[in-house]
PDB file of all heavy atoms in Angstrom:
ATOM      1  N   ALA A   1     163.810  60.308  13.511  1.00  0.00           N
ATOM      2  CA  ALA A   1     164.801  61.007  14.336  1.00  0.00           C
ATOM      3  C   ALA A   1     164.054  62.024  15.235  1.00  0.00           C
ATOM      4  O   ALA A   1     164.411  62.169  16.408  1.00  0.00           O
ATOM      5  CB  ALA A   1     165.797  61.697  13.443  1.00  0.00           C
ATOM      6  N   ARG A   2     163.077  62.717  14.659  1.00  0.00           N
ATOM      7  CA  ARG A   2     162.367  63.697  15.522  1.00  0.00           C
ATOM      8  C   ARG A   2     161.600  63.021  16.613  1.00  0.00           C
ATOM      9  O   ARG A   2     161.623  63.456  17.799  1.00  0.00           O
ATOM     10  CB  ARG A   2     161.398  64.479  14.598  1.00  0.00           C
ATOM     11  CG  ARG A   2     160.574  65.531  15.350  1.00  0.00           C
ATOM     12  CD  ARG A   2     159.674  66.322  14.447  1.00  0.00           C
ATOM     13  NE  ARG A   2     158.794  65.463  13.596  1.00  0.00           N
ATOM     14  CZ  ARG A   2     157.703  64.848  14.050  1.00  0.00           C
ATOM     15  NH1 ARG A   2     157.307  64.951  15.297  1.00  0.00           N
ATOM     16  NH2 ARG A   2     156.975  64.126  13.218  1.00  0.00           N
ATOM     17  N   LEU A   3     160.988  61.903  16.296  1.00  0.00           N
ATOM     18  CA  LEU A   3     160.266  61.137  17.350  1.00  0.00           C
ATOM     19  C   LEU A   3     161.201  60.545  18.415  1.00  0.00           C
ATOM     20  O   LEU A   3     160.864  60.496  19.600  1.00  0.00           O
ATOM     21  CB  LEU A   3     159.388  60.084  16.710  1.00  0.00           C
ATOM     22  CG  LEU A   3     158.198  60.577  15.884  1.00  0.00           C
ATOM     23  CD1 LEU A   3     157.621  59.445  15.064  1.00  0.00           C
ATOM     24  CD2 LEU A   3     157.152  61.210  16.798  1.00  0.00           C
ATOM     25  N   MET A   4     162.389  60.111  17.989  1.00  0.00           N
ATOM     26  CA  MET A   4     163.352  59.612  18.944  1.00  0.00           C
ATOM     27  C   MET A   4     163.773  60.748  19.884  1.00  0.00           C
ATOM     28  O   MET A   4     164.047  60.483  21.080  1.00  0.00           O
ATOM     29  CB  MET A   4     164.558  59.025  18.193  1.00  0.00           C
ATOM     30  CG  MET A   4     164.291  57.657  17.599  1.00  0.00           C
ATOM     31  SD  MET A   4     165.535  57.090  16.391  1.00  0.00           S
ATOM     32  CE  MET A   4     167.003  57.049  17.415  1.00  0.00           C
ATOM     33  N   THR A   5     163.858  61.940  19.418  1.00  0.00           N
ATOM     34  CA  THR A   5     164.149  63.072  20.309  1.00  0.00           C
ATOM     35  C   THR A   5     162.985  63.353  21.251  1.00  0.00           C
ATOM     36  O   THR A   5     163.190  63.492  22.460  1.00  0.00           O
ATOM     37  CB  THR A   5     164.450  64.325  19.457  1.00  0.00           C
ATOM     38  OG1 THR A   5     165.613  64.108  18.647  1.00  0.00           O
ATOM     39  CG2 THR A   5     164.727  65.552  20.372  1.00  0.00           C
ATOM     40  N   GLU A   6     161.748  63.323  20.741  1.00  0.00           N
ATOM     41  CA  GLU A   6     160.576  63.548  21.578  1.00  0.00           C
ATOM     42  C   GLU A   6     160.466  62.545  22.651  1.00  0.00           C
ATOM     43  O   GLU A   6     160.050  62.835  23.807  1.00  0.00           O
ATOM     44  CB  GLU A   6     159.285  63.525  20.678  1.00  0.00           C
ATOM     45  CG  GLU A   6     159.019  64.799  19.962  1.00  0.00           C
ATOM     46  CD  GLU A   6     157.681  64.774  19.225  1.00  0.00           C
ATOM     47  OE1 GLU A   6     156.741  64.038  19.651  1.00  0.00           O
ATOM     48  OE2 GLU A   6     157.576  65.396  18.174  1.00  0.00           O
ATOM     49  N   TYR A   7     160.775  61.286  22.392  1.00  0.00           N
ATOM     50  CA  TYR A   7     160.627  60.187  23.347  1.00  0.00           C
ATOM     51  C   TYR A   7     161.944  59.930  24.100  1.00  0.00           C
ATOM     52  O   TYR A   7     162.050  58.918  24.810  1.00  0.00           O
ATOM     53  CB  TYR A   7     160.137  58.896  22.663  1.00  0.00           C
ATOM     54  CG  TYR A   7     158.690  58.963  22.233  1.00  0.00           C
ATOM     55  CD1 TYR A   7     158.395  59.463  20.949  1.00  0.00           C
ATOM     56  CD2 TYR A   7     157.690  58.604  23.064  1.00  0.00           C
ATOM     57  CE1 TYR A   7     157.019  59.543  20.555  1.00  0.00           C
ATOM     58  CE2 TYR A   7     156.335  58.695  22.683  1.00  0.00           C
ATOM     59  CZ  TYR A   7     156.053  59.119  21.442  1.00  0.00           C
ATOM     60  OH  TYR A   7     154.735  59.207  21.071  1.00  0.00           O
ATOM     61  N   ALA A   8     162.974  60.788  23.903  1.00  0.00           N
ATOM     62  CA  ALA A   8     164.209  60.726  24.655  1.00  0.00           C
ATOM     63  C   ALA A   8     164.854  59.344  24.513  1.00  0.00           C
ATOM     64  O   ALA A   8     165.224  58.697  25.485  1.00  0.00           O
ATOM     65  CB  ALA A   8     163.989  61.080  26.137  1.00  0.00           C
ATOM     66  N   LEU A   9     165.005  58.838  23.297  1.00  0.00           N
ATOM     67  CA  LEU A   9     165.494  57.491  23.024  1.00  0.00           C
ATOM     68  C   LEU A   9     166.963  57.436  22.567  1.00  0.00           C
ATOM     69  O   LEU A   9     167.522  56.340  22.554  1.00  0.00           O
ATOM     70  CB  LEU A   9     164.617  56.826  21.933  1.00  0.00           C
ATOM     71  CG  LEU A   9     163.275  56.292  22.451  1.00  0.00           C
ATOM     72  CD1 LEU A   9     162.408  55.901  21.299  1.00  0.00           C
ATOM     73  CD2 LEU A   9     163.468  55.113  23.368  1.00  0.00           C
ATOM     74  N   TRP A  10     167.552  58.543  22.207  1.00  0.00           N
ATOM     75  CA  TRP A  10     168.923  58.488  21.677  1.00  0.00           C
ATOM     76  C   TRP A  10     169.938  57.835  22.623  1.00  0.00           C
ATOM     77  O   TRP A  10     170.562  56.875  22.280  1.00  0.00           O
ATOM     78  CB  TRP A  10     169.387  59.896  21.268  1.00  0.00           C
ATOM     79  CG  TRP A  10     168.680  60.490  20.124  1.00  0.00           C
ATOM     80  CD1 TRP A  10     167.671  61.418  20.193  1.00  0.00           C
ATOM     81  CD2 TRP A  10     168.866  60.198  18.751  1.00  0.00           C
ATOM     82  NE1 TRP A  10     167.231  61.708  18.924  1.00  0.00           N
ATOM     83  CE2 TRP A  10     167.948  60.996  18.006  1.00  0.00           C
ATOM     84  CE3 TRP A  10     169.761  59.353  18.045  1.00  0.00           C
ATOM     85  CZ2 TRP A  10     167.896  60.943  16.627  1.00  0.00           C
ATOM     86  CZ3 TRP A  10     169.642  59.314  16.651  1.00  0.00           C
ATOM     87  CH2 TRP A  10     168.736  60.102  15.964  1.00  0.00           C
ATOM     88  N   GLU A  11     170.013  58.340  23.819  1.00  0.00           N
ATOM     89  CA  GLU A  11     170.977  57.756  24.773  1.00  0.00           C
ATOM     90  C   GLU A  11     170.587  56.384  25.253  1.00  0.00           C
ATOM     91  O   GLU A  11     171.481  55.529  25.374  1.00  0.00           O
ATOM     92  CB  GLU A  11     171.189  58.736  25.952  1.00  0.00           C
ATOM     93  CG  GLU A  11     172.012  59.942  25.549  1.00  0.00           C
ATOM     94  CD  GLU A  11     173.224  59.647  24.683  1.00  0.00           C
ATOM     95  OE1 GLU A  11     174.026  58.761  25.058  1.00  0.00           O
ATOM     96  OE2 GLU A  11     173.406  60.334  23.661  1.00  0.00           O
ATOM     97  N   PRO A  12     169.283  56.126  25.551  1.00  0.00           N
ATOM     98  CA  PRO A  12     168.933  54.719  25.896  1.00  0.00           C
ATOM     99  C   PRO A  12     169.294  53.722  24.783  1.00  0.00           C
ATOM    100  O   PRO A  12     169.692  52.601  25.097  1.00  0.00           O
ATOM    101  CB  PRO A  12     167.425  54.791  26.125  1.00  0.00           C
ATOM    102  CG  PRO A  12     167.194  56.193  26.588  1.00  0.00           C
ATOM    103  CD  PRO A  12     168.174  57.004  25.751  1.00  0.00           C
ATOM    104  N   LEU A  13     169.160  54.084  23.521  1.00  0.00           N
ATOM    105  CA  LEU A  13     169.524  53.159  22.458  1.00  0.00           C
ATOM    106  C   LEU A  13     171.000  52.941  22.364  1.00  0.00           C
ATOM    107  O   LEU A  13     171.485  51.800  22.220  1.00  0.00           O
ATOM    108  CB  LEU A  13     169.054  53.684  21.103  1.00  0.00           C
ATOM    109  CG  LEU A  13     167.495  53.551  20.853  1.00  0.00           C
ATOM    110  CD1 LEU A  13     167.155  54.246  19.542  1.00  0.00           C
ATOM    111  CD2 LEU A  13     167.062  52.112  20.875  1.00  0.00           C
ATOM    112  N   ARG A  14     171.835  53.991  22.618  1.00  0.00           N
ATOM    113  CA  ARG A  14     173.258  53.821  22.639  1.00  0.00           C
ATOM    114  C   ARG A  14     173.670  52.941  23.849  1.00  0.00           C
ATOM    115  O   ARG A  14     174.567  52.104  23.748  1.00  0.00           O
ATOM    116  CB  ARG A  14     173.965  55.187  22.765  1.00  0.00           C
ATOM    117  CG  ARG A  14     173.883  55.949  21.439  1.00  0.00           C
ATOM    118  CD  ARG A  14     174.704  57.241  21.493  1.00  0.00           C
ATOM    119  NE  ARG A  14     174.540  58.025  20.280  1.00  0.00           N
ATOM    120  CZ  ARG A  14     173.831  59.153  20.151  1.00  0.00           C
ATOM    121  NH1 ARG A  14     173.147  59.604  21.207  1.00  0.00           N
ATOM    122  NH2 ARG A  14     173.787  59.786  19.008  1.00  0.00           N
ATOM    123  N   ALA A  15     172.990  53.134  24.964  1.00  0.00           N
ATOM    124  CA  ALA A  15     173.279  52.360  26.166  1.00  0.00           C
ATOM    125  C   ALA A  15     172.881  50.899  25.965  1.00  0.00           C
ATOM    126  O   ALA A  15     173.556  49.983  26.440  1.00  0.00           O
ATOM    127  CB  ALA A  15     172.553  52.935  27.401  1.00  0.00           C
ATOM    128  N   PHE A  16     171.792  50.618  25.299  1.00  0.00           N
ATOM    129  CA  PHE A  16     171.337  49.289  24.976  1.00  0.00           C
ATOM    130  C   PHE A  16     172.441  48.542  24.194  1.00  0.00           C
ATOM    131  O   PHE A  16     172.759  47.428  24.488  1.00  0.00           O
ATOM    132  CB  PHE A  16     170.027  49.347  24.196  1.00  0.00           C
ATOM    133  CG  PHE A  16     169.579  47.995  23.680  1.00  0.00           C
ATOM    134  CD1 PHE A  16     168.999  47.049  24.537  1.00  0.00           C
ATOM    135  CD2 PHE A  16     169.722  47.670  22.326  1.00  0.00           C
ATOM    136  CE1 PHE A  16     168.586  45.797  24.034  1.00  0.00           C
ATOM    137  CE2 PHE A  16     169.302  46.453  21.835  1.00  0.00           C
ATOM    138  CZ  PHE A  16     168.722  45.512  22.706  1.00  0.00           C
ATOM    139  N   HIS A  17     173.001  49.227  23.200  1.00  0.00           N
ATOM    140  CA  HIS A  17     174.036  48.607  22.407  1.00  0.00           C
ATOM    141  C   HIS A  17     175.298  48.423  23.264  1.00  0.00           C
ATOM    142  O   HIS A  17     175.948  47.385  23.201  1.00  0.00           O
ATOM    143  CB  HIS A  17     174.363  49.507  21.189  1.00  0.00           C
ATOM    144  CG  HIS A  17     175.518  49.067  20.390  1.00  0.00           C
ATOM    145  ND1 HIS A  17     176.765  49.618  20.474  1.00  0.00           N
ATOM    146  CD2 HIS A  17     175.652  48.000  19.535  1.00  0.00           C
ATOM    147  CE1 HIS A  17     177.595  48.952  19.685  1.00  0.00           C
ATOM    148  NE2 HIS A  17     176.938  47.997  19.118  1.00  0.00           N
ATOM    149  N   ALA A  18     175.624  49.362  24.088  1.00  0.00           N
ATOM    150  CA  ALA A  18     176.868  49.307  24.896  1.00  0.00           C
ATOM    151  C   ALA A  18     176.788  48.127  25.877  1.00  0.00           C
ATOM    152  O   ALA A  18     177.844  47.542  26.207  1.00  0.00           O
ATOM    153  CB  ALA A  18     177.043  50.620  25.683  1.00  0.00           C
ATOM    154  N   ARG A  19     175.588  47.784  26.363  1.00  0.00           N
ATOM    155  CA  ARG A  19     175.501  46.673  27.305  1.00  0.00           C
ATOM    156  C   ARG A  19     175.324  45.304  26.632  1.00  0.00           C
ATOM    157  O   ARG A  19     174.974  44.321  27.253  1.00  0.00           O
ATOM    158  CB  ARG A  19     174.473  46.920  28.358  1.00  0.00           C
ATOM    159  CG  ARG A  19     173.032  47.021  27.882  1.00  0.00           C
ATOM    160  CD  ARG A  19     172.067  47.245  29.056  1.00  0.00           C
ATOM    161  NE  ARG A  19     170.705  47.318  28.605  1.00  0.00           N
ATOM    162  CZ  ARG A  19     170.019  48.451  28.463  1.00  0.00           C
ATOM    163  NH1 ARG A  19     170.605  49.610  28.693  1.00  0.00           N
ATOM    164  NH2 ARG A  19     168.751  48.433  28.058  1.00  0.00           N
ATOM    165  N   GLY A  20     175.472  45.253  25.245  1.00  0.00           N
ATOM    166  CA  GLY A  20     175.446  43.974  24.563  1.00  0.00           C
ATOM    167  C   GLY A  20     174.298  43.755  23.621  1.00  0.00           C
ATOM    168  O   GLY A  20     174.218  42.699  23.004  1.00  0.00           O
ATOM    169  N   GLY A  21     173.391  44.704  23.520  1.00  0.00           N
ATOM    170  CA  GLY A  21     172.237  44.519  22.621  1.00  0.00           C
ATOM    171  C   GLY A  21     172.635  44.545  21.173  1.00  0.00           C
ATOM    172  O   GLY A  21     173.481  45.295  20.782  1.00  0.00           O
ATOM    173  N   GLN A  22     171.962  43.647  20.413  1.00  0.00           N
ATOM    174  CA  GLN A  22     172.137  43.639  18.943  1.00  0.00           C
ATOM    175  C   GLN A  22     171.213  44.634  18.276  1.00  0.00           C
ATOM    176  O   GLN A  22     170.062  44.781  18.727  1.00  0.00           O
ATOM    177  CB  GLN A  22     171.818  42.236  18.444  1.00  0.00           C
ATOM    178  CG  GLN A  22     172.652  41.126  19.004  1.00  0.00           C
ATOM    179  CD  GLN A  22     173.907  40.818  18.254  1.00  0.00           C
ATOM    180  OE1 GLN A  22     174.039  41.216  17.091  1.00  0.00           O
ATOM    181  NE2 GLN A  22     174.811  40.146  18.864  1.00  0.00           N
ATOM    182  N   LEU A  23     171.659  45.322  17.248  1.00  0.00           N
ATOM    183  CA  LEU A  23     170.801  46.252  16.540  1.00  0.00           C
ATOM    184  C   LEU A  23     170.814  45.907  15.035  1.00  0.00           C
ATOM    185  O   LEU A  23     171.786  45.502  14.450  1.00  0.00           O
ATOM    186  CB  LEU A  23     171.348  47.686  16.690  1.00  0.00           C
ATOM    187  CG  LEU A  23     171.296  48.253  18.106  1.00  0.00           C
ATOM    188  CD1 LEU A  23     172.105  49.564  18.176  1.00  0.00           C
ATOM    189  CD2 LEU A  23     169.859  48.476  18.517  1.00  0.00           C
ATOM    190  N   TRP A  24     169.627  46.123  14.410  1.00  0.00           N
ATOM    191  CA  TRP A  24     169.528  45.971  12.948  1.00  0.00           C
ATOM    192  C   TRP A  24     168.691  47.112  12.454  1.00  0.00           C
ATOM    193  O   TRP A  24     167.535  47.292  12.885  1.00  0.00           O
ATOM    194  CB  TRP A  24     168.874  44.638  12.647  1.00  0.00           C
ATOM    195  CG  TRP A  24     168.653  44.373  11.146  1.00  0.00           C
ATOM    196  CD1 TRP A  24     169.196  45.020  10.087  1.00  0.00           C
ATOM    197  CD2 TRP A  24     167.778  43.398  10.613  1.00  0.00           C
ATOM    198  NE1 TRP A  24     168.739  44.487   8.951  1.00  0.00           N
ATOM    199  CE2 TRP A  24     167.866  43.485   9.220  1.00  0.00           C
ATOM    200  CE3 TRP A  24     166.914  42.422  11.185  1.00  0.00           C
ATOM    201  CZ2 TRP A  24     167.124  42.640   8.356  1.00  0.00           C
ATOM    202  CZ3 TRP A  24     166.250  41.601  10.319  1.00  0.00           C
ATOM    203  CH2 TRP A  24     166.368  41.733   8.931  1.00  0.00           C
ATOM    204  N   GLY A  25     169.216  47.869  11.501  1.00  0.00           N
ATOM    205  CA  GLY A  25     168.493  48.921  10.848  1.00  0.00           C
ATOM    206  C   GLY A  25     168.209  48.604   9.421  1.00  0.00           C
ATOM    207  O   GLY A  25     169.080  48.184   8.680  1.00  0.00           O
ATOM    208  N   THR A  26     166.945  48.747   8.972  1.00  0.00           N
ATOM    209  CA  THR A  26     166.590  48.554   7.578  1.00  0.00           C
ATOM    210  C   THR A  26     166.177  49.878   6.986  1.00  0.00           C
ATOM    211  O   THR A  26     165.342  50.557   7.548  1.00  0.00           O
ATOM    212  CB  THR A  26     165.421  47.539   7.436  1.00  0.00           C
ATOM    213  OG1 THR A  26     164.257  47.998   8.075  1.00  0.00           O
ATOM    214  CG2 THR A  26     165.852  46.200   8.066  1.00  0.00           C
ATOM    215  N   CYS A  27     166.767  50.230   5.839  1.00  0.00           N
ATOM    216  CA  CYS A  27     166.446  51.459   5.122  1.00  0.00           C
ATOM    217  C   CYS A  27     166.590  52.675   6.038  1.00  0.00           C
ATOM    218  O   CYS A  27     167.701  53.078   6.403  1.00  0.00           O
ATOM    219  CB  CYS A  27     165.093  51.355   4.466  1.00  0.00           C
ATOM    220  SG  CYS A  27     164.870  52.548   3.126  1.00  0.00           S
ATOM    221  N   ALA A  28     165.521  53.309   6.448  1.00  0.00           N
ATOM    222  CA  ALA A  28     165.626  54.451   7.348  1.00  0.00           C
ATOM    223  C   ALA A  28     166.340  54.107   8.651  1.00  0.00           C
ATOM    224  O   ALA A  28     167.087  54.871   9.190  1.00  0.00           O
ATOM    225  CB  ALA A  28     164.252  55.004   7.670  1.00  0.00           C
ATOM    226  N   GLY A  29     166.097  52.902   9.145  1.00  0.00           N
ATOM    227  CA  GLY A  29     166.817  52.444  10.366  1.00  0.00           C
ATOM    228  C   GLY A  29     168.325  52.339  10.181  1.00  0.00           C
ATOM    229  O   GLY A  29     169.061  52.679  11.087  1.00  0.00           O
ATOM    230  N   ALA A  30     168.723  51.972   8.944  1.00  0.00           N
ATOM    231  CA  ALA A  30     170.174  51.948   8.636  1.00  0.00           C
ATOM    232  C   ALA A  30     170.753  53.344   8.656  1.00  0.00           C
ATOM    233  O   ALA A  30     171.864  53.589   9.109  1.00  0.00           O
ATOM    234  CB  ALA A  30     170.389  51.306   7.266  1.00  0.00           C
ATOM    235  N   ILE A  31     169.991  54.334   8.177  1.00  0.00           N
ATOM    236  CA  ILE A  31     170.445  55.708   8.219  1.00  0.00           C
ATOM    237  C   ILE A  31     170.653  56.163   9.660  1.00  0.00           C
ATOM    238  O   ILE A  31     171.651  56.813   9.986  1.00  0.00           O
ATOM    239  CB  ILE A  31     169.397  56.596   7.501  1.00  0.00           C
ATOM    240  CG1 ILE A  31     169.367  56.293   5.975  1.00  0.00           C
ATOM    241  CG2 ILE A  31     169.721  58.100   7.752  1.00  0.00           C
ATOM    242  CD1 ILE A  31     168.203  56.949   5.232  1.00  0.00           C
ATOM    243  N   LEU A  32     169.699  55.783  10.527  1.00  0.00           N
ATOM    244  CA  LEU A  32     169.791  56.241  11.916  1.00  0.00           C
ATOM    245  C   LEU A  32     170.938  55.583  12.679  1.00  0.00           C
ATOM    246  O   LEU A  32     171.407  56.137  13.682  1.00  0.00           O
ATOM    247  CB  LEU A  32     168.465  55.917  12.629  1.00  0.00           C
ATOM    248  CG  LEU A  32     167.258  56.742  12.126  1.00  0.00           C
ATOM    249  CD1 LEU A  32     165.996  56.218  12.704  1.00  0.00           C
ATOM    250  CD2 LEU A  32     167.446  58.193  12.499  1.00  0.00           C
ATOM    251  N   LEU A  33     171.418  54.437  12.237  1.00  0.00           N
ATOM    252  CA  LEU A  33     172.559  53.763  12.909  1.00  0.00           C
ATOM    253  C   LEU A  33     173.923  54.350  12.463  1.00  0.00           C
ATOM    254  O   LEU A  33     174.907  54.160  13.155  1.00  0.00           O
ATOM    255  CB  LEU A  33     172.537  52.286  12.603  1.00  0.00           C
ATOM    256  CG  LEU A  33     171.422  51.439  13.295  1.00  0.00           C
ATOM    257  CD1 LEU A  33     171.449  50.020  12.727  1.00  0.00           C
ATOM    258  CD2 LEU A  33     171.663  51.440  14.784  1.00  0.00           C
ATOM    259  N   SER A  34     173.949  55.020  11.324  1.00  0.00           N
ATOM    260  CA  SER A  34     175.201  55.375  10.665  1.00  0.00           C
ATOM    261  C   SER A  34     175.972  56.459  11.369  1.00  0.00           C
ATOM    262  O   SER A  34     175.444  57.221  12.143  1.00  0.00           O
ATOM    263  CB  SER A  34     174.873  55.805   9.237  1.00  0.00           C
ATOM    264  OG  SER A  34     174.303  54.709   8.543  1.00  0.00           O
ATOM    265  N   GLY A  35     177.292  56.496  11.066  1.00  0.00           N
ATOM    266  CA  GLY A  35     178.150  57.516  11.591  1.00  0.00           C
ATOM    267  C   GLY A  35     177.992  58.878  10.959  1.00  0.00           C
ATOM    268  O   GLY A  35     178.127  59.912  11.603  1.00  0.00           O
ATOM    269  N   GLU A  36     177.657  58.899   9.675  1.00  0.00           N
ATOM    270  CA  GLU A  36     177.515  60.126   8.904  1.00  0.00           C
ATOM    271  C   GLU A  36     176.404  59.985   7.873  1.00  0.00           C
ATOM    272  O   GLU A  36     176.296  58.920   7.251  1.00  0.00           O
ATOM    273  CB  GLU A  36     178.811  60.481   8.186  1.00  0.00           C
ATOM    274  CG  GLU A  36     178.770  61.791   7.464  1.00  0.00           C
ATOM    275  CD  GLU A  36     180.064  62.094   6.688  1.00  0.00           C
ATOM    276  OE1 GLU A  36     180.958  61.268   6.663  1.00  0.00           O
ATOM    277  OE2 GLU A  36     180.104  63.191   6.078  1.00  0.00           O
ATOM    278  N   VAL A  37     175.593  60.974   7.729  1.00  0.00           N
ATOM    279  CA  VAL A  37     174.456  60.918   6.782  1.00  0.00           C
ATOM    280  C   VAL A  37     174.636  62.048   5.750  1.00  0.00           C
ATOM    281  O   VAL A  37     174.816  63.167   6.082  1.00  0.00           O
ATOM    282  CB  VAL A  37     173.131  61.113   7.523  1.00  0.00           C
ATOM    283  CG1 VAL A  37     171.975  61.041   6.522  1.00  0.00           C
ATOM    284  CG2 VAL A  37     172.933  60.081   8.632  1.00  0.00           C
TER     285      VAL A  37
END
């Protein structure tokens, strides 16, 4: 999460999903996709 902030990836990842991209999170990746942690 800290690196995603450093590399400014939060909004681009949401935009990727919004335009039809598929996402899969495993373990930590699943945590990052979730609505609440």
